[in-house]
C-alpha atoms as a PDB file:
ATOM      1  CA  LEU A   1      76.568  76.800  96.157  1.00  0.00           C
ATOM      2  CA  VAL A   2      79.806  77.209  98.137  1.00  0.00           C
ATOM      3  CA  LEU A   3      82.848  78.990  96.642  1.00  0.00           C
ATOM      4  CA  ALA A   4      86.360  78.709  98.116  1.00  0.00           C
ATOM      5  CA  THR A   5      89.830  79.844  97.042  1.00  0.00           C
ATOM      6  CA  GLY A   6      93.343  78.506  97.527  1.00  0.00           C
ATOM      7  CA  GLU A   7      94.709  75.616  99.538  1.00  0.00           C
ATOM      8  CA  MET A   8      93.111  76.384 102.897  1.00  0.00           C
ATOM      9  CA  GLY A   9      90.355  74.051 104.060  1.00  0.00           C
ATOM     10  CA  LEU A  10      90.524  71.647 101.142  1.00  0.00           C
ATOM     11  CA  GLU A  11      90.162  68.517 103.265  1.00  0.00           C
ATOM     12  CA  ARG A  12      87.049  69.980 104.839  1.00  0.00           C
ATOM     13  CA  ILE A  13      85.615  70.794 101.418  1.00  0.00           C
ATOM     14  CA  ARG A  14      86.304  67.258 100.174  1.00  0.00           C
ATOM     15  CA  ALA A  15      84.491  65.847 103.173  1.00  0.00           C
ATOM     16  CA  ASP A  16      81.566  68.259 102.871  1.00  0.00           C
ATOM     17  CA  SER A  17      81.089  67.499  99.174  1.00  0.00           C
ATOM     18  CA  SER A  18      80.608  63.828 100.099  1.00  0.00           C
ATOM     19  CA  THR A  19      78.325  64.354 103.088  1.00  0.00           C
ATOM     20  CA  HIS A  20      76.246  67.102 101.407  1.00  0.00           C
ATOM     21  CA  PRO A  21      75.506  65.791  97.892  1.00  0.00           C
ATOM     22  CA  ASN A  22      72.846  68.436  97.248  1.00  0.00           C
ATOM     23  CA  THR A  23      75.310  71.295  97.837  1.00  0.00           C
ATOM     24  CA  HIS A  24      77.612  72.342  94.998  1.00  0.00           C
ATOM     25  CA  PHE A  25      81.228  73.297  95.719  1.00  0.00           C
ATOM     26  CA  VAL A  26      83.690  75.271  93.584  1.00  0.00           C
ATOM     27  CA  VAL A  27      87.351  75.601  94.569  1.00  0.00           C
ATOM     28  CA  PHE A  28      89.552  78.104  92.741  1.00  0.00           C
ATOM     29  CA  ASP A  29      93.309  78.014  92.194  1.00  0.00           C
ATOM     30  CA  SER A  30      94.064  74.758  93.947  1.00  0.00           C
ATOM     31  CA  PRO A  31      95.877  72.549  91.411  1.00  0.00           C
ATOM     32  CA  ASN A  32      96.536  69.790  93.951  1.00  0.00           C
ATOM     33  CA  LEU A  33      92.850  69.097  94.570  1.00  0.00           C
ATOM     34  CA  SER A  34      91.677  65.668  93.419  1.00  0.00           C
ATOM     35  CA  ILE A  35      88.009  65.387  92.475  1.00  0.00           C
ATOM     36  CA  ARG A  36      85.961  62.490  93.825  1.00  0.00           C
ATOM     37  CA  ALA A  37      82.431  63.937  93.772  1.00  0.00           C
ATOM     38  CA  SER A  38      80.122  65.116  90.979  1.00  0.00           C
ATOM     39  CA  ASN A  39      79.081  68.176  93.010  1.00  0.00           C
ATOM     40  CA  LEU A  40      82.692  69.419  93.372  1.00  0.00           C
ATOM     41  CA  LYS A  41      84.451  71.508  90.718  1.00  0.00           C
ATOM     42  CA  SER A  42      88.097  72.612  90.716  1.00  0.00           C
ATOM     43  CA  ILE A  43      88.935  75.657  88.581  1.00  0.00           C
ATOM     44  CA  THR A  44      92.606  76.353  87.956  1.00  0.00           C
ATOM     45  CA  PHE A  45      94.310  78.935  85.792  1.00  0.00           C
ATOM     46  CA  GLU A  46      96.726  78.640  82.872  1.00  0.00           C
ATOM     47  CA  GLU A  47      99.002  81.237  84.448  1.00  0.00           C
ATOM     48  CA  HIS A  48     101.990  79.985  82.455  1.00  0.00           C
ATOM     49  CA  GLU A  49     100.407  81.617  79.394  1.00  0.00           C
ATOM     50  CA  VAL A  50     100.820  84.990  81.073  1.00  0.00           C
ATOM     51  CA  SER A  51     104.228  83.993  82.485  1.00  0.00           C
ATOM     52  CA  TYR A  52     105.381  83.711  78.882  1.00  0.00           C
ATOM     53  CA  LEU A  53     104.127  87.233  78.202  1.00  0.00           C
ATOM     54  CA  LEU A  54     105.846  88.511  81.345  1.00  0.00           C
ATOM     55  CA  GLY A  55     109.062  86.929  80.107  1.00  0.00           C
ATOM     56  CA  TYR A  56     108.747  88.790  76.824  1.00  0.00           C
ATOM     57  CA  LEU A  57     108.075  92.008  78.722  1.00  0.00           C
ATOM     58  CA  ALA A  58     111.047  91.475  81.044  1.00  0.00           C
ATOM     59  CA  GLY A  59     113.369  90.595  78.157  1.00  0.00           C
ATOM     60  CA  SER A  60     112.259  93.713  76.309  1.00  0.00           C
ATOM     61  CA  LEU A  61     112.647  96.117  79.237  1.00  0.00           C
ATOM     62  CA  SER A  62     115.635  94.811  81.203  1.00  0.00           C
ATOM     63  CA  GLN A  63     118.471  97.334  81.278  1.00  0.00           C
ATOM     64  CA  THR A  64     121.063  94.715  82.255  1.00  0.00           C
ATOM     65  CA  GLY A  65     119.973  91.683  80.241  1.00  0.00           C
ATOM     66  CA  VAL A  66     119.771  89.631  83.437  1.00  0.00           C
ATOM     67  CA  LEU A  67     116.376  88.572  84.807  1.00  0.00           C
ATOM     68  CA  GLY A  68     115.640  86.949  88.151  1.00  0.00           C
ATOM     69  CA  PHE A  69     113.087  84.271  89.069  1.00  0.00           C
ATOM     70  CA  VAL A  70     112.190  83.228  92.618  1.00  0.00           C
ATOM     71  CA  GLY A  71     109.847  80.259  92.937  1.00  0.00           C
ATOM     72  CA  ASP A  72     108.772  77.739  95.522  1.00  0.00           C
ATOM     73  CA  ASP A  73     109.477  74.014  95.372  1.00  0.00           C
ATOM     74  CA  THR A  74     106.422  73.060  93.295  1.00  0.00           C
ATOM     75  CA  LYS A  75     105.705  71.793  89.803  1.00  0.00           C
ATOM     76  CA  ASN A  76     103.654  74.927  89.176  1.00  0.00           C
ATOM     77  CA  ALA A  77     106.652  77.192  89.822  1.00  0.00           C
ATOM     78  CA  LEU A  78     108.852  75.133  87.486  1.00  0.00           C
ATOM     79  CA  ILE A  79     106.257  75.392  84.715  1.00  0.00           C
ATOM     80  CA  ASN A  80     106.046  79.157  85.151  1.00  0.00           C
ATOM     81  CA  GLU A  81     109.835  79.482  85.210  1.00  0.00           C
ATOM     82  CA  ALA A  82     110.035  77.604  81.902  1.00  0.00           C
ATOM     83  CA  ALA A  83     107.344  79.767  80.314  1.00  0.00           C
ATOM     84  CA  PHE A  84     108.999  82.935  81.637  1.00  0.00           C
ATOM     85  CA  TYR A  85     112.344  81.845  80.154  1.00  0.00           C
ATOM     86  CA  GLN A  86     110.788  81.116  76.754  1.00  0.00           C
ATOM     87  CA  GLY A  87     109.227  84.589  76.722  1.00  0.00           C
ATOM     88  CA  ILE A  88     112.579  86.163  77.572  1.00  0.00           C
ATOM     89  CA  MET A  89     114.239  84.309  74.699  1.00  0.00           C
ATOM     90  CA  MET A  90     111.564  85.519  72.295  1.00  0.00           C
ATOM     91  CA  ALA A  91     112.443  89.122  73.172  1.00  0.00           C
ATOM     92  CA  CYS A  92     116.169  88.886  73.870  1.00  0.00           C
ATOM     93  CA  ARG A  93     118.322  85.920  72.872  1.00  0.00           C
ATOM     94  CA  ALA A  94     121.319  87.511  74.586  1.00  0.00           C
ATOM     95  CA  CYS A  95     119.536  87.825  77.943  1.00  0.00           C
ATOM     96  CA  THR A  96     120.006  85.358  80.794  1.00  0.00           C
ATOM     97  CA  LEU A  97     117.679  84.086  83.520  1.00  0.00           C
ATOM     98  CA  GLU A  98     118.946  83.436  87.035  1.00  0.00           C
ATOM     99  CA  SER A  99     116.584  81.328  89.190  1.00  0.00           C
ATOM    100  CA  GLU A 100     116.371  80.464  92.875  1.00  0.00           C
ATOM    101  CA  PHE A 101     113.803  78.437  94.824  1.00  0.00           C
ATOM    102  CA  VAL A 102     112.571  78.488  98.417  1.00  0.00           C
ATOM    103  CA  MET A 103     111.748  75.183 100.099  1.00  0.00           C
ATOM    104  CA  ASN A 104     108.840  76.688 102.047  1.00  0.00           C
ATOM    105  CA  SER A 105     106.215  78.798 100.252  1.00  0.00           C
ATOM    106  CA  GLN A 106     105.611  80.669 103.532  1.00  0.00           C
ATOM    107  CA  ASP A 107     109.268  81.699 104.007  1.00  0.00           C
ATOM    108  CA  ALA A 108     109.380  85.340 102.904  1.00  0.00           C
ATOM    109  CA  VAL A 109     112.714  85.866 104.683  1.00  0.00           C
ATOM    110  CA  ALA A 110     114.373  83.190 102.538  1.00  0.00           C
ATOM    111  CA  ALA A 111     112.820  84.616  99.369  1.00  0.00           C
ATOM    112  CA  LYS A 112     114.132  88.079 100.245  1.00  0.00           C
ATOM    113  CA  ALA A 113     117.642  86.677 100.676  1.00  0.00           C
ATOM    114  CA  LEU A 114     117.410  84.891  97.319  1.00  0.00           C
ATOM    115  CA  ALA A 115     116.333  88.122  95.617  1.00  0.00           C
ATOM    116  CA  GLN A 116     119.403  89.825  97.046  1.00  0.00           C
ATOM    117  CA  THR A 117     121.569  87.022  95.636  1.00  0.00           C
ATOM    118  CA  LEU A 118     120.023  87.465  92.198  1.00  0.00           C
ATOM    119  CA  GLN A 119     120.489  91.229  92.304  1.00  0.00           C
ATOM    120  CA  GLY A 120     124.170  90.557  92.999  1.00  0.00           C
ATOM    121  CA  LYS A 121     124.249  88.851  89.586  1.00  0.00           C
ATOM    122  CA  ASP A 122     122.887  92.060  87.965  1.00  0.00           C
ATOM    123  CA  ALA A 123     119.222  91.034  87.789  1.00  0.00           C
ATOM    124  CA  ASP A 124     117.084  94.169  87.534  1.00  0.00           C
ATOM    125  CA  ILE A 125     113.613  92.622  87.039  1.00  0.00           C
ATOM    126  CA  PHE A 126     112.400  89.815  89.334  1.00  0.00           C
ATOM    127  CA  TYR A 127     109.488  87.494  88.630  1.00  0.00           C
ATOM    128  CA  THR A 128     108.301  85.839  91.818  1.00  0.00           C
ATOM    129  CA  ASN A 129     106.132  82.707  91.848  1.00  0.00           C
ATOM    130  CA  ALA A 130     106.689  81.476  95.389  1.00  0.00           C
ATOM    131  CA  GLY A 131     103.321  81.624  97.121  1.00  0.00           C
ATOM    132  CA  GLU A 132     103.238  83.747 100.254  1.00  0.00           C
ATOM    133  CA  ALA A 133     107.044  83.837 100.233  1.00  0.00           C
ATOM    134  CA  SER A 134     106.833  86.139  97.204  1.00  0.00           C
ATOM    135  CA  GLN A 135     106.310  89.017  99.625  1.00  0.00           C
ATOM    136  CA  GLY A 136     110.008  88.724 100.499  1.00  0.00           C
ATOM    137  CA  VAL A 137     110.995  89.532  96.915  1.00  0.00           C
ATOM    138  CA  ILE A 138     108.622  92.491  96.870  1.00  0.00           C
ATOM    139  CA  ASP A 139     110.042  93.733 100.177  1.00  0.00           C
ATOM    140  CA  PHE A 140     113.584  93.473  98.847  1.00  0.00           C
ATOM    141  CA  VAL A 141     112.823  95.433  95.675  1.00  0.00           C
ATOM    142  CA  ASN A 142     110.899  98.139  97.536  1.00  0.00           C
ATOM    143  CA  ALA A 143     113.623  98.547 100.160  1.00  0.00           C
ATOM    144  CA  THR A 144     116.581  98.454  97.750  1.00  0.00           C
ATOM    145  CA  LYS A 145     114.858 100.476  95.002  1.00  0.00           C
ATOM    146  CA  CYS A 146     117.893 100.695  92.708  1.00  0.00           C
ATOM    147  CA  PHE A 147     121.451  99.589  92.035  1.00  0.00           C
ATOM    148  CA  SER A 148     124.433 100.393  89.818  1.00  0.00           C
ATOM    149  CA  PRO A 149     124.758  97.516  87.342  1.00  0.00           C
ATOM    150  CA  ASP A 150     128.032  96.241  85.928  1.00  0.00           C
ATOM    151  CA  GLN A 151     126.543  96.269  82.432  1.00  0.00           C
ATOM    152  CA  THR A 152     123.638  97.912  80.606  1.00  0.00           C
ATOM    153  CA  ARG A 153     121.873  97.403  77.310  1.00  0.00           C
ATOM    154  CA  PRO A 154     119.457  99.462  75.181  1.00  0.00           C
ATOM    155  CA  SER A 155     115.925  99.314  76.566  1.00  0.00           C
ATOM    156  CA  PRO A 156     112.701 101.186  75.764  1.00  0.00           C
ATOM    157  CA  LEU A 157     112.266 101.502  79.527  1.00  0.00           C
ATOM    158  CA  ARG A 158     115.320 103.746  79.671  1.00  0.00           C
ATOM    159  CA  ALA A 159     113.623 106.222  77.352  1.00  0.00           C
ATOM    160  CA  ALA A 160     110.462 106.212  79.506  1.00  0.00           C
ATOM    161  CA  LEU A 161     112.123 106.663  82.903  1.00  0.00           C
ATOM    162  CA  PRO A 162     113.099 110.364  82.553  1.00  0.00           C
ATOM    163  CA  ASN A 163     109.431 111.215  81.968  1.00  0.00           C
ATOM    164  CA  ILE A 164     108.264 109.515  85.180  1.00  0.00           C
ATOM    165  CA  SER A 165     108.247 111.571  88.389  1.00  0.00           C
ATOM    166  CA  LYS A 166     110.370 110.220  91.223  1.00  0.00           C
ATOM    167  CA  GLY A 167     109.553 110.341  94.918  1.00  0.00           C
ATOM    168  CA  LEU A 168     111.898 112.031  97.373  1.00  0.00           C
ATOM    169  CA  ASP A 169     112.869 108.675  98.887  1.00  0.00           C
ATOM    170  CA  TYR A 170     114.019 107.478  95.475  1.00  0.00           C
ATOM    171  CA  LEU A 171     115.801 110.686  94.480  1.00  0.00           C
ATOM    172  CA  SER A 172     117.716 110.810  97.736  1.00  0.00           C
ATOM    173  CA  SER A 173     119.460 107.487  97.115  1.00  0.00           C
ATOM    174  CA  CYS A 174     119.023 106.592  93.443  1.00  0.00           C
ATOM    175  CA  SER A 175     119.710 109.729  91.419  1.00  0.00           C
ATOM    176  CA  SER A 176     122.395 108.023  89.289  1.00  0.00           C
ATOM    177  CA  ALA A 177     121.358 104.366  89.636  1.00  0.00           C
ATOM    178  CA  SER A 178     119.020 101.976  87.801  1.00  0.00           C
ATOM    179  CA  PRO A 179     115.641 101.079  89.327  1.00  0.00           C
ATOM    180  CA  LEU A 180     114.666  97.559  90.352  1.00  0.00           C
ATOM    181  CA  PHE A 181     111.286  96.038  89.509  1.00  0.00           C
ATOM    182  CA  PHE A 182     109.271  92.974  90.465  1.00  0.00           C
ATOM    183  CA  MET A 183     106.569  90.988  88.699  1.00  0.00           C
ATOM    184  CA  GLY A 184     104.092  89.131  90.878  1.00  0.00           C
ATOM    185  CA  THR A 185     101.514  86.430  90.349  1.00  0.00           C
ATOM    186  CA  GLY A 186      98.010  85.536  91.468  1.00  0.00           C
ATOM    187  CA  ARG A 187      96.366  88.922  91.764  1.00  0.00           C
ATOM    188  CA  PHE A 188      96.659  92.581  90.880  1.00  0.00           C
ATOM    189  CA  GLN A 189     100.013  93.554  92.404  1.00  0.00           C
ATOM    190  CA  PRO A 190     101.536  96.648  90.723  1.00  0.00           C
ATOM    191  CA  GLU A 191     100.371  98.860  93.590  1.00  0.00           C
ATOM    192  CA  LEU A 192     102.535  96.840  95.997  1.00  0.00           C
ATOM    193  CA  GLY A 193     105.527  98.574  94.427  1.00  0.00           C
ATOM    194  CA  ASP A 194     104.325 102.028  95.455  1.00  0.00           C
ATOM    195  CA  THR A 195     106.809 103.145  98.124  1.00  0.00           C
ATOM    196  CA  ASP A 196     105.578 106.720  98.617  1.00  0.00           C
ATOM    197  CA  ASN A 197     101.754 106.427  98.442  1.00  0.00           C
ATOM    198  CA  ASP A 198     101.700 108.251  95.117  1.00  0.00           C
ATOM    199  CA  PRO A 199     100.699 106.305  91.974  1.00  0.00           C
ATOM    200  CA  THR A 200     102.045 109.093  89.745  1.00  0.00           C
ATOM    201  CA  THR A 201     105.674 108.565  90.815  1.00  0.00           C
ATOM    202  CA  LEU A 202     108.032 105.732  89.875  1.00  0.00           C
ATOM    203  CA  ASN A 203     106.530 102.399  90.870  1.00  0.00           C
ATOM    204  CA  HIS A 204     108.576  99.231  91.444  1.00  0.00           C
ATOM    205  CA  GLY A 205     105.724  96.840  90.636  1.00  0.00           C
ATOM    206  CA  LEU A 206     106.210  96.327  86.896  1.00  0.00           C
ATOM    207  CA  THR A 207     103.145  94.074  86.560  1.00  0.00           C
ATOM    208  CA  SER A 208     101.747  90.703  87.670  1.00  0.00           C
ATOM    209  CA  VAL A 209      99.814  87.667  86.505  1.00  0.00           C
ATOM    210  CA  HIS A 210      96.217  88.494  87.347  1.00  0.00           C
ATOM    211  CA  LYS A 211      93.988  85.463  87.860  1.00  0.00           C
ATOM    212  CA  ARG A 212      90.392  86.533  87.299  1.00  0.00           C
ATOM    213  CA  ILE A 213      88.767  84.604  90.118  1.00  0.00           C
ATOM    214  CA  ASP A 214      85.986  87.218  90.102  1.00  0.00           C
ATOM    215  CA  PHE A 215      85.167  86.476  86.461  1.00  0.00           C
ATOM    216  CA  SER A 216      85.410  82.717  87.040  1.00  0.00           C
ATOM    217  CA  ALA A 217      83.198  82.863  90.123  1.00  0.00           C
ATOM    218  CA  TYR A 218      80.559  84.745  88.157  1.00  0.00           C
ATOM    219  CA  GLU A 219      80.586  82.068  85.446  1.00  0.00           C
ATOM    220  CA  ALA A 220      80.344  79.306  88.072  1.00  0.00           C
ATOM    221  CA  ILE A 221      77.350  80.998  89.695  1.00  0.00           C
ATOM    222  CA  LYS A 222      75.644  81.333  86.302  1.00  0.00           C
ATOM    223  CA  SER A 223      76.149  77.632  85.568  1.00  0.00           C
ATOM    224  CA  PHE A 224      74.686  76.752  88.958  1.00  0.00           C
ATOM    225  CA  LEU A 225      71.625  78.959  88.429  1.00  0.00           C
ATOM    226  CA  ASN A 226      70.889  77.750  84.901  1.00  0.00           C
ATOM    227  CA  GLY A 227      71.365  74.080  85.780  1.00  0.00           C
ATOM    228  CA  THR A 228      74.514  73.408  83.721  1.00  0.00           C
ATOM    229  CA  PHE A 229      76.899  72.960  86.683  1.00  0.00           C
ATOM    230  CA  ARG A 230      79.238  70.004  86.229  1.00  0.00           C
ATOM    231  CA  GLY A 231      81.819  68.721  88.684  1.00  0.00           C
ATOM    232  CA  GLY A 232      85.408  67.912  87.784  1.00  0.00           C
ATOM    233  CA  GLN A 233      88.536  69.789  86.748  1.00  0.00           C
ATOM    234  CA  GLN A 234      88.404  72.948  84.649  1.00  0.00           C
ATOM    235  CA  GLN A 235      91.408  74.944  83.434  1.00  0.00           C
ATOM    236  CA  LEU A 236      90.919  78.529  82.264  1.00  0.00           C
ATOM    237  CA  GLY A 237      93.375  80.711  80.375  1.00  0.00           C
ATOM    238  CA  LEU A 238      93.796  83.682  78.059  1.00  0.00           C
ATOM    239  CA  ASN A 239      91.163  82.364  75.681  1.00  0.00           C
ATOM    240  CA  ASP A 240      88.586  82.437  78.506  1.00  0.00           C
ATOM    241  CA  GLY A 241      89.543  85.907  79.758  1.00  0.00           C
ATOM    242  CA  ALA A 242      90.485  84.267  83.056  1.00  0.00           C
ATOM    243  CA  VAL A 243      94.141  85.374  83.201  1.00  0.00           C
ATOM    244  CA  GLU A 244      95.699  88.656  82.152  1.00  0.00           C
ATOM    245  CA  ILE A 245      98.616  91.035  82.606  1.00  0.00           C
ATOM    246  CA  ALA A 246      97.882  93.542  85.372  1.00  0.00           C
ATOM    247  CA  ILE A 247      97.909  97.127  84.084  1.00  0.00           C
ATOM    248  CA  ASP A 248      96.608 100.178  85.937  1.00  0.00           C
ATOM    249  CA  ASP A 249      97.625 103.725  86.916  1.00  0.00           C
ATOM    250  CA  TYR A 250     100.497 102.443  89.059  1.00  0.00           C
ATOM    251  CA  ASN A 251     102.439 100.789  86.256  1.00  0.00           C
ATOM    252  CA  ARG A 252     101.052 102.064  82.943  1.00  0.00           C
ATOM    253  CA  ALA A 253     103.835 104.645  82.483  1.00  0.00           C
ATOM    254  CA  LEU A 254     106.440 101.864  82.712  1.00  0.00           C
ATOM    255  CA  LEU A 255     105.002  99.898  79.782  1.00  0.00           C
ATOM    256  CA  PRO A 256     105.931 101.336  76.353  1.00  0.00           C
ATOM    257  CA  ALA A 257     103.134 101.272  73.778  1.00  0.00           C
ATOM    258  CA  GLU A 258     105.203  99.340  71.240  1.00  0.00           C
ATOM    259  CA  VAL A 259     105.923  96.565  73.749  1.00  0.00           C
ATOM    260  CA  LEU A 260     102.255  96.347  74.770  1.00  0.00           C
ATOM    261  CA  ALA A 261     101.290  96.055  71.092  1.00  0.00           C
ATOM    262  CA  GLN A 262     103.696  93.141  70.693  1.00  0.00           C
ATOM    263  CA  LEU A 263     102.278  91.487  73.808  1.00  0.00           C
ATOM    264  CA  GLU A 264      98.808  91.694  72.289  1.00  0.00           C
ATOM    265  CA  ALA A 265     100.114  90.024  69.130  1.00  0.00           C
ATOM    266  CA  LEU A 266     101.707  87.237  71.173  1.00  0.00           C
ATOM    267  CA  LYS A 267      98.492  86.828  73.182  1.00  0.00           C
ATOM    268  CA  THR A 268      96.584  86.321  69.927  1.00  0.00           C
ATOM    269  CA  GLN A 269      99.104  83.683  68.838  1.00  0.00           C
ATOM    270  CA  ILE A 270      98.765  81.830  72.148  1.00  0.00           C
ATOM    271  CA  ILE A 271      94.964  81.822  71.960  1.00  0.00           C
ATOM    272  CA  SER A 272      95.013  80.572  68.359  1.00  0.00           C
ATOM    273  CA  GLY A 273      97.484  77.815  69.188  1.00  0.00           C
ATOM    274  CA  GLN A 274     100.239  79.223  66.970  1.00  0.00           C
ATOM    275  CA  LEU A 275     102.362  79.633  70.086  1.00  0.00           C
END
């Protein structure tokens, strides 16, 4: 059994699955992979389900009512943008979403510039779904840290912020400003918003879509060992425990209990098909 992740080496895997019919191959998180062999399985993730939840979270917590989205030029990014927008509207009909797209999913410099453009429109929470270019959005948020918005709105985040310790780097430049936050995708990313190596101080990584490749790999190995392995396409989502909102010590203080409770209710509705 051979396990592989992402887009790298897919042509080689396609070729190997044909020339080695007695070897089983599983590729994770590669939606563009076409299946032409019974010993090859492609497992992708219904990340848009969590994008919807992130939209609800962003719409609930935004202090300006303006959210930012930076994606790459792919169908997957457009789907996640749409889901993110629908989640925002569920939480805040008066909020707006400003979106920008990079043409190259490796171009972090372009993504950083787009994040700056969105911040100029008062966006205070950025969801990035732009492949490797997403690092540019994270870099922008971590470097800028805060801004003085033209408008503010009531937010449960505002009540939580005074109770969160601030690092010296933040206090020195942001004592009377509003913090910026990013939401990532693909893996556990809240810790990437830690600018002072202290998880107890204000973190700029609000959360991320966490794709449970570990869980999915374990299930694939079990199916191989018990003889139930089947090739083809498989999509896994909230109902399978394969995608989730990333929450840990870095971002837990930023997520009000009442908002998390509502997210759990929405998650239940998505799994049941009501949403």
